[in-house]
Amino acid sequence: MIKGIIDRFEEDIAVVEVNGEPQDFKKSIFPENAKPGDFVEIKDEQATILKDETEKRRKEIEKLMEELWED
């Protein structure tokens, strides 16, 4: 099992950051609604979006952005 964050899609490839390193996977193993920034789990040639983890990370990023713009 691999966990990572979708960085981008390039034609039929999905680039996923895994432990800070980009790895390429077939785009076809991802759900149609997958998008860059989604946290995913890849197991047995099937990717699943981890919605709770994705939302948690988005909130952390929003908080950091707000802190940057407050000063």
PDB file of N, CA and C in Angstrom:
ATOM      1  N   MET A   1       0.841  -1.174   0.000  1.00  0.00           N
ATOM      2  CA  MET A   1       0.000   0.000   0.000  1.00  0.00           C
ATOM      3  C   MET A   1       0.887   1.239   0.000  1.00  0.00           C
ATOM      4  N   ILE A   2       0.512   2.209  -0.819  1.00  0.00           N
ATOM      5  CA  ILE A   2       1.251   3.466  -0.949  1.00  0.00           C
ATOM      6  C   ILE A   2       0.293   4.610  -0.655  1.00  0.00           C
ATOM      7  N   LYS A   3       0.764   5.594   0.101  1.00  0.00           N
ATOM      8  CA  LYS A   3      -0.027   6.798   0.351  1.00  0.00           C
ATOM      9  C   LYS A   3       0.748   7.999  -0.156  1.00  0.00           C
ATOM     10  N   GLY A   4       0.038   8.938  -0.753  1.00  0.00           N
ATOM     11  CA  GLY A   4       0.691  10.131  -1.274  1.00  0.00           C
ATOM     12  C   GLY A   4      -0.321  11.180  -1.681  1.00  0.00           C
ATOM     13  N   ILE A   5       0.198  12.257  -2.246  1.00  0.00           N
ATOM     14  CA  ILE A   5      -0.631  13.378  -2.674  1.00  0.00           C
ATOM     15  C   ILE A   5      -0.490  13.528  -4.186  1.00  0.00           C
ATOM     16  N   ILE A   6      -1.615  13.638  -4.870  1.00  0.00           N
ATOM     17  CA  ILE A   6      -1.575  13.833  -6.317  1.00  0.00           C
ATOM     18  C   ILE A   6      -0.966  15.199  -6.600  1.00  0.00           C
ATOM     19  N   ASP A   7       0.102  15.206  -7.384  1.00  0.00           N
ATOM     20  CA  ASP A   7       0.748  16.453  -7.768  1.00  0.00           C
ATOM     21  C   ASP A   7       0.124  16.996  -9.050  1.00  0.00           C
ATOM     22  N   ARG A   8       0.001  16.119 -10.056  1.00  0.00           N
ATOM     23  CA  ARG A   8      -0.553  16.563 -11.341  1.00  0.00           C
ATOM     24  C   ARG A   8      -0.881  15.346 -12.211  1.00  0.00           C
ATOM     25  N   PHE A   9      -1.619  15.654 -13.285  1.00  0.00           N
ATOM     26  CA  PHE A   9      -1.915  14.638 -14.293  1.00  0.00           C
ATOM     27  C   PHE A   9      -1.246  15.068 -15.597  1.00  0.00           C
ATOM     28  N   GLU A  10      -0.629  14.132 -16.281  1.00  0.00           N
ATOM     29  CA  GLU A  10       0.003  14.373 -17.574  1.00  0.00           C
ATOM     30  C   GLU A  10      -0.456  13.290 -18.537  1.00  0.00           C
ATOM     31  N   GLU A  11      -1.359  13.643 -19.439  1.00  0.00           N
ATOM     32  CA  GLU A  11      -1.939  12.699 -20.388  1.00  0.00           C
ATOM     33  C   GLU A  11      -2.488  11.481 -19.657  1.00  0.00           C
ATOM     34  N   ASP A  12      -1.843  10.303 -19.776  1.00  0.00           N
ATOM     35  CA  ASP A  12      -2.378   9.098 -19.130  1.00  0.00           C
ATOM     36  C   ASP A  12      -1.598   8.728 -17.865  1.00  0.00           C
ATOM     37  N   ILE A  13      -0.849   9.701 -17.312  1.00  0.00           N
ATOM     38  CA  ILE A  13      -0.029   9.483 -16.118  1.00  0.00           C
ATOM     39  C   ILE A  13      -0.490  10.400 -14.986  1.00  0.00           C
ATOM     40  N   ALA A  14      -0.497   9.861 -13.784  1.00  0.00           N
ATOM     41  CA  ALA A  14      -0.730  10.660 -12.579  1.00  0.00           C
ATOM     42  C   ALA A  14       0.594  10.704 -11.820  1.00  0.00           C
ATOM     43  N   VAL A  15       1.040  11.905 -11.491  1.00  0.00           N
ATOM     44  CA  VAL A  15       2.268  12.062 -10.715  1.00  0.00           C
ATOM     45  C   VAL A  15       1.848  12.257  -9.260  1.00  0.00           C
ATOM     46  N   VAL A  16       2.312  11.353  -8.406  1.00  0.00           N
ATOM     47  CA  VAL A  16       1.941  11.367  -6.991  1.00  0.00           C
ATOM     48  C   VAL A  16       3.207  11.550  -6.158  1.00  0.00           C
ATOM     49  N   GLU A  17       3.154  12.490  -5.217  1.00  0.00           N
ATOM     50  CA  GLU A  17       4.284  12.688  -4.314  1.00  0.00           C
ATOM     51  C   GLU A  17       4.159  11.684  -3.172  1.00  0.00           C
ATOM     52  N   VAL A  18       5.158  10.811  -3.083  1.00  0.00           N
ATOM     53  CA  VAL A  18       5.196   9.774  -2.057  1.00  0.00           C
ATOM     54  C   VAL A  18       6.475   9.982  -1.249  1.00  0.00           C
ATOM     55  N   ASN A  19       6.318  10.301   0.026  1.00  0.00           N
ATOM     56  CA  ASN A  19       7.488  10.556   0.883  1.00  0.00           C
ATOM     57  C   ASN A  19       8.428  11.590   0.271  1.00  0.00           C
ATOM     58  N   GLY A  20       7.842  12.633  -0.320  1.00  0.00           N
ATOM     59  CA  GLY A  20       8.635  13.722  -0.883  1.00  0.00           C
ATOM     60  C   GLY A  20       9.218  13.460  -2.262  1.00  0.00           C
ATOM     61  N   GLU A  21       8.948  12.296  -2.833  1.00  0.00           N
ATOM     62  CA  GLU A  21       9.477  11.938  -4.145  1.00  0.00           C
ATOM     63  C   GLU A  21       8.341  11.701  -5.137  1.00  0.00           C
ATOM     64  N   PRO A  22       8.438  12.258  -6.350  1.00  0.00           N
ATOM     65  CA  PRO A  22       7.383  12.015  -7.341  1.00  0.00           C
ATOM     66  C   PRO A  22       7.445  10.593  -7.889  1.00  0.00           C
ATOM     67  N   GLN A  23       6.281   9.982  -8.032  1.00  0.00           N
ATOM     68  CA  GLN A  23       6.175   8.656  -8.650  1.00  0.00           C
ATOM     69  C   GLN A  23       5.055   8.689  -9.663  1.00  0.00           C
ATOM     70  N   ASP A  24       5.244   8.024 -10.781  1.00  0.00           N
ATOM     71  CA  ASP A  24       4.240   7.971 -11.834  1.00  0.00           C
ATOM     72  C   ASP A  24       3.378   6.726 -11.694  1.00  0.00           C
ATOM     73  N   PHE A  25       2.070   6.934 -11.910  1.00  0.00           N
ATOM     74  CA  PHE A  25       1.104   5.834 -11.903  1.00  0.00           C
ATOM     75  C   PHE A  25       0.184   6.014 -13.097  1.00  0.00           C
ATOM     76  N   LYS A  26      -0.449   4.929 -13.522  1.00  0.00           N
ATOM     77  CA  LYS A  26      -1.435   5.018 -14.605  1.00  0.00           C
ATOM     78  C   LYS A  26      -2.631   5.832 -14.128  1.00  0.00           C
ATOM     79  N   LYS A  27      -3.010   6.812 -14.900  1.00  0.00           N
ATOM     80  CA  LYS A  27      -4.148   7.658 -14.546  1.00  0.00           C
ATOM     81  C   LYS A  27      -5.427   6.832 -14.420  1.00  0.00           C
ATOM     82  N   SER A  28      -5.497   5.748 -15.148  1.00  0.00           N
ATOM     83  CA  SER A  28      -6.717   4.928 -15.179  1.00  0.00           C
ATOM     84  C   SER A  28      -7.037   4.269 -13.840  1.00  0.00           C
ATOM     85  N   ILE A  29      -6.068   4.194 -12.909  1.00  0.00           N
ATOM     86  CA  ILE A  29      -6.354   3.565 -11.608  1.00  0.00           C
ATOM     87  C   ILE A  29      -6.985   4.551 -10.620  1.00  0.00           C
ATOM     88  N   PHE A  30      -7.083   5.828 -11.011  1.00  0.00           N
ATOM     89  CA  PHE A  30      -7.635   6.854 -10.125  1.00  0.00           C
ATOM     90  C   PHE A  30      -9.105   7.102 -10.430  1.00  0.00           C
ATOM     91  N   PRO A  31      -9.887   7.477  -9.410  1.00  0.00           N
ATOM     92  CA  PRO A  31     -11.285   7.824  -9.665  1.00  0.00           C
ATOM     93  C   PRO A  31     -11.364   9.043 -10.594  1.00  0.00           C
ATOM     94  N   GLU A  32     -12.438   9.140 -11.344  1.00  0.00           N
ATOM     95  CA  GLU A  32     -12.603  10.249 -12.292  1.00  0.00           C
ATOM     96  C   GLU A  32     -12.582  11.609 -11.606  1.00  0.00           C
ATOM     97  N   ASN A  33     -13.026  11.676 -10.345  1.00  0.00           N
ATOM     98  CA  ASN A  33     -13.091  12.958  -9.642  1.00  0.00           C
ATOM     99  C   ASN A  33     -11.791  13.314  -8.922  1.00  0.00           C
ATOM    100  N   ALA A  34     -10.744  12.496  -9.083  1.00  0.00           N
ATOM    101  CA  ALA A  34      -9.461  12.780  -8.435  1.00  0.00           C
ATOM    102  C   ALA A  34      -8.862  14.047  -9.033  1.00  0.00           C
ATOM    103  N   LYS A  35      -8.225  14.846  -8.166  1.00  0.00           N
ATOM    104  CA  LYS A  35      -7.621  16.086  -8.636  1.00  0.00           C
ATOM    105  C   LYS A  35      -6.330  16.358  -7.869  1.00  0.00           C
ATOM    106  N   PRO A  36      -5.474  17.207  -8.429  1.00  0.00           N
ATOM    107  CA  PRO A  36      -4.239  17.546  -7.722  1.00  0.00           C
ATOM    108  C   PRO A  36      -4.537  18.065  -6.312  1.00  0.00           C
ATOM    109  N   GLY A  37      -3.734  17.615  -5.368  1.00  0.00           N
ATOM    110  CA  GLY A  37      -3.927  18.003  -3.973  1.00  0.00           C
ATOM    111  C   GLY A  37      -4.655  16.947  -3.159  1.00  0.00           C
ATOM    112  N   ASP A  38      -5.296  15.995  -3.838  1.00  0.00           N
ATOM    113  CA  ASP A  38      -5.992  14.927  -3.123  1.00  0.00           C
ATOM    114  C   ASP A  38      -4.983  13.957  -2.510  1.00  0.00           C
ATOM    115  N   PHE A  39      -5.245  13.551  -1.278  1.00  0.00           N
ATOM    116  CA  PHE A  39      -4.445  12.535  -0.606  1.00  0.00           C
ATOM    117  C   PHE A  39      -5.025  11.194  -1.009  1.00  0.00           C
ATOM    118  N   VAL A  40      -4.186  10.287  -1.484  1.00  0.00           N
ATOM    119  CA  VAL A  40      -4.678   9.009  -2.000  1.00  0.00           C
ATOM    120  C   VAL A  40      -3.928   7.828  -1.401  1.00  0.00           C
ATOM    121  N   GLU A  41      -4.610   6.697  -1.457  1.00  0.00           N
ATOM    122  CA  GLU A  41      -4.016   5.422  -1.073  1.00  0.00           C
ATOM    123  C   GLU A  41      -4.071   4.536  -2.311  1.00  0.00           C
ATOM    124  N   ILE A  42      -2.936   3.938  -2.656  1.00  0.00           N
ATOM    125  CA  ILE A  42      -2.862   3.079  -3.838  1.00  0.00           C
ATOM    126  C   ILE A  42      -2.561   1.665  -3.365  1.00  0.00           C
ATOM    127  N   LYS A  43      -3.466   0.765  -3.723  1.00  0.00           N
ATOM    128  CA  LYS A  43      -3.349  -0.629  -3.293  1.00  0.00           C
ATOM    129  C   LYS A  43      -3.902  -1.525  -4.393  1.00  0.00           C
ATOM    130  N   ASP A  44      -3.135  -2.522  -4.760  1.00  0.00           N
ATOM    131  CA  ASP A  44      -3.572  -3.491  -5.775  1.00  0.00           C
ATOM    132  C   ASP A  44      -4.046  -2.810  -7.061  1.00  0.00           C
ATOM    133  N   GLU A  45      -3.229  -1.878  -7.585  1.00  0.00           N
ATOM    134  CA  GLU A  45      -3.553  -1.191  -8.837  1.00  0.00           C
ATOM    135  C   GLU A  45      -4.883  -0.428  -8.765  1.00  0.00           C
ATOM    136  N   GLN A  46      -5.243   0.049  -7.579  1.00  0.00           N
ATOM    137  CA  GLN A  46      -6.462   0.842  -7.419  1.00  0.00           C
ATOM    138  C   GLN A  46      -6.184   1.983  -6.455  1.00  0.00           C
ATOM    139  N   ALA A  47      -6.505   3.201  -6.880  1.00  0.00           N
ATOM    140  CA  ALA A  47      -6.300   4.377  -6.030  1.00  0.00           C
ATOM    141  C   ALA A  47      -7.627   4.806  -5.416  1.00  0.00           C
ATOM    142  N   THR A  48      -7.569   5.165  -4.145  1.00  0.00           N
ATOM    143  CA  THR A  48      -8.738   5.629  -3.417  1.00  0.00           C
ATOM    144  C   THR A  48      -8.416   6.994  -2.820  1.00  0.00           C
ATOM    145  N   ILE A  49      -9.323   7.944  -2.976  1.00  0.00           N
ATOM    146  CA  ILE A  49      -9.139   9.262  -2.372  1.00  0.00           C
ATOM    147  C   ILE A  49      -9.469   9.155  -0.892  1.00  0.00           C
ATOM    148  N   LEU A  50      -8.557   9.625  -0.059  1.00  0.00           N
ATOM    149  CA  LEU A  50      -8.781   9.652   1.383  1.00  0.00           C
ATOM    150  C   LEU A  50      -9.343  11.030   1.729  1.00  0.00           C
ATOM    151  N   LYS A  51     -10.667  11.127   1.706  1.00  0.00           N
ATOM    152  CA  LYS A  51     -11.337  12.422   1.828  1.00  0.00           C
ATOM    153  C   LYS A  51     -11.031  13.131   3.141  1.00  0.00           C
ATOM    154  N   ASP A  52     -11.040  12.406   4.250  1.00  0.00           N
ATOM    155  CA  ASP A  52     -10.771  13.041   5.547  1.00  0.00           C
ATOM    156  C   ASP A  52      -9.364  13.615   5.596  1.00  0.00           C
ATOM    157  N   GLU A  53      -8.393  12.854   5.123  1.00  0.00           N
ATOM    158  CA  GLU A  53      -7.005  13.313   5.121  1.00  0.00           C
ATOM    159  C   GLU A  53      -6.819  14.495   4.169  1.00  0.00           C
ATOM    160  N   THR A  54      -7.484  14.439   3.015  1.00  0.00           N
ATOM    161  CA  THR A  54      -7.405  15.535   2.046  1.00  0.00           C
ATOM    162  C   THR A  54      -7.956  16.813   2.670  1.00  0.00           C
ATOM    163  N   GLU A  55      -9.101  16.727   3.311  1.00  0.00           N
ATOM    164  CA  GLU A  55      -9.723  17.901   3.930  1.00  0.00           C
ATOM    165  C   GLU A  55      -8.857  18.440   5.067  1.00  0.00           C
ATOM    166  N   LYS A  56      -8.292  17.562   5.858  1.00  0.00           N
ATOM    167  CA  LYS A  56      -7.422  17.974   6.957  1.00  0.00           C
ATOM    168  C   LYS A  56      -6.223  18.762   6.422  1.00  0.00           C
ATOM    169  N   ARG A  57      -5.612  18.269   5.373  1.00  0.00           N
ATOM    170  CA  ARG A  57      -4.450  18.954   4.793  1.00  0.00           C
ATOM    171  C   ARG A  57      -4.844  20.281   4.159  1.00  0.00           C
ATOM    172  N   ARG A  58      -6.002  20.338   3.514  1.00  0.00           N
ATOM    173  CA  ARG A  58      -6.451  21.603   2.918  1.00  0.00           C
ATOM    174  C   ARG A  58      -6.663  22.659   4.003  1.00  0.00           C
ATOM    175  N   LYS A  59      -7.250  22.256   5.129  1.00  0.00           N
ATOM    176  CA  LYS A  59      -7.465  23.202   6.230  1.00  0.00           C
ATOM    177  C   LYS A  59      -6.139  23.680   6.803  1.00  0.00           C
ATOM    178  N   GLU A  60      -5.158  22.779   6.923  1.00  0.00           N
ATOM    179  CA  GLU A  60      -3.838  23.169   7.418  1.00  0.00           C
ATOM    180  C   GLU A  60      -3.196  24.198   6.484  1.00  0.00           C
ATOM    181  N   ILE A  61      -3.323  23.982   5.183  1.00  0.00           N
ATOM    182  CA  ILE A  61      -2.749  24.909   4.209  1.00  0.00           C
ATOM    183  C   ILE A  61      -3.462  26.256   4.270  1.00  0.00           C
ATOM    184  N   GLU A  62      -4.802  26.238   4.375  1.00  0.00           N
ATOM    185  CA  GLU A  62      -5.550  27.483   4.485  1.00  0.00           C
ATOM    186  C   GLU A  62      -5.124  28.268   5.713  1.00  0.00           C
ATOM    187  N   LYS A  63      -4.928  27.587   6.820  1.00  0.00           N
ATOM    188  CA  LYS A  63      -4.497  28.247   8.057  1.00  0.00           C
ATOM    189  C   LYS A  63      -3.120  28.880   7.876  1.00  0.00           C
ATOM    190  N   LEU A  64      -2.205  28.149   7.260  1.00  0.00           N
ATOM    191  CA  LEU A  64      -0.875  28.691   7.010  1.00  0.00           C
ATOM    192  C   LEU A  64      -0.944  29.922   6.093  1.00  0.00           C
ATOM    193  N   MET A  65      -1.782  29.869   5.099  1.00  0.00           N
ATOM    194  CA  MET A  65      -1.934  31.011   4.173  1.00  0.00           C
ATOM    195  C   MET A  65      -2.479  32.225   4.917  1.00  0.00           C
ATOM    196  N   GLU A  66      -3.470  32.002   5.772  1.00  0.00           N
ATOM    197  CA  GLU A  66      -4.039  33.102   6.548  1.00  0.00           C
ATOM    198  C   GLU A  66      -2.976  33.732   7.453  1.00  0.00           C
ATOM    199  N   GLU A  67      -2.164  32.889   8.076  1.00  0.00           N
ATOM    200  CA  GLU A  67      -1.101  33.397   8.956  1.00  0.00           C
ATOM    201  C   GLU A  67      -0.078  34.215   8.170  1.00  0.00           C
ATOM    202  N   LEU A  68       0.221  33.803   6.946  1.00  0.00           N
ATOM    203  CA  LEU A  68       1.158  34.546   6.124  1.00  0.00           C
ATOM    204  C   LEU A  68       0.631  35.938   5.777  1.00  0.00           C
ATOM    205  N   TRP A  69      -0.660  36.044   5.498  1.00  0.00           N
ATOM    206  CA  TRP A  69      -1.241  37.307   5.063  1.00  0.00           C
ATOM    207  C   TRP A  69      -1.662  38.210   6.195  1.00  0.00           C
ATOM    208  N   GLU A  70      -1.656  37.712   7.436  1.00  0.00           N
ATOM    209  CA  GLU A  70      -2.055  38.529   8.575  1.00  0.00           C
ATOM    210  C   GLU A  70      -1.025  39.595   8.912  1.00  0.00           C
ATOM    211  N   ASP A  71       0.248  39.313   8.721  1.00  0.00           N
ATOM    212  CA  ASP A  71       1.298  40.261   9.126  1.00  0.00           C
ATOM    213  C   ASP A  71       1.432  41.434   8.230  1.00  0.00           C
TER     214      ASP A  71
END
